[in-house]
Amino acid sequence: MRRKTKAQKTLIKNREYVYSVACVLLIIDQVLKLLVRSKIELLDEIEVIPSFFSIYHVENTGGAFSLFSGATIVLIIISILVLAFLHYYVLTDEVMTKWRIFGLGIVIGGILGNLIDRLLYGAVIDFLSFDLFGYGFPVFNIADIGITVGFVILAIGILRRDGNEFLDRSKRRDRGEN
């Protein structure tokens, strides 16, 4: 039997961390959605902080900001394709920082949370409603937060890495190295 190298063990641990983060976000998302569905009638609202935050039970058949409303099948297919790509990335990425692990985990957990809603109910359960300076921000959920924050974390990581590589090339060029 072949023994695993330290790098292989680290890669396996990183995968476990990504999917652990995904599971935590998925559980939080689904439990809160279950509470909203069972305790608040559709289109009912509970004002938590007057003129700022309320829990408002809505169902969204579209994507972010209700784009592609009614295109549930298309959104299911897109979600599955994105999950497949992210899974492949998790399997092949050998350089996982803690931020990348966290970012990938919450994106995967968020996509799974909304995918489960689409498969079970034909729509995503949204319930977090904010009124910012008189502007009623679109209602969203924990899965949406995971997807958005996760992609921002991943984008910052990519920009930082590309920026560092650019600086390294510039320093080598300044020293006359190739």
Foldseek 3Di string as FASTA:
>chain_A
DDDDDPLRVVLVVLLVLLQVLLVVLLVVQVVVLVCCPVPPDAQDWDDDDPQFKIWGKYWALAPPVNPPGPPLVVLLVVLVVVLVVLVVCSNPDSDDDPLLSNLSNLLNSLSVNQSVCCVPPVTGIFTIWTQDPNRTDDTHTSSVVSNVVSVVSVVVVVVVVVVVVVVVVVVCVVVVHD
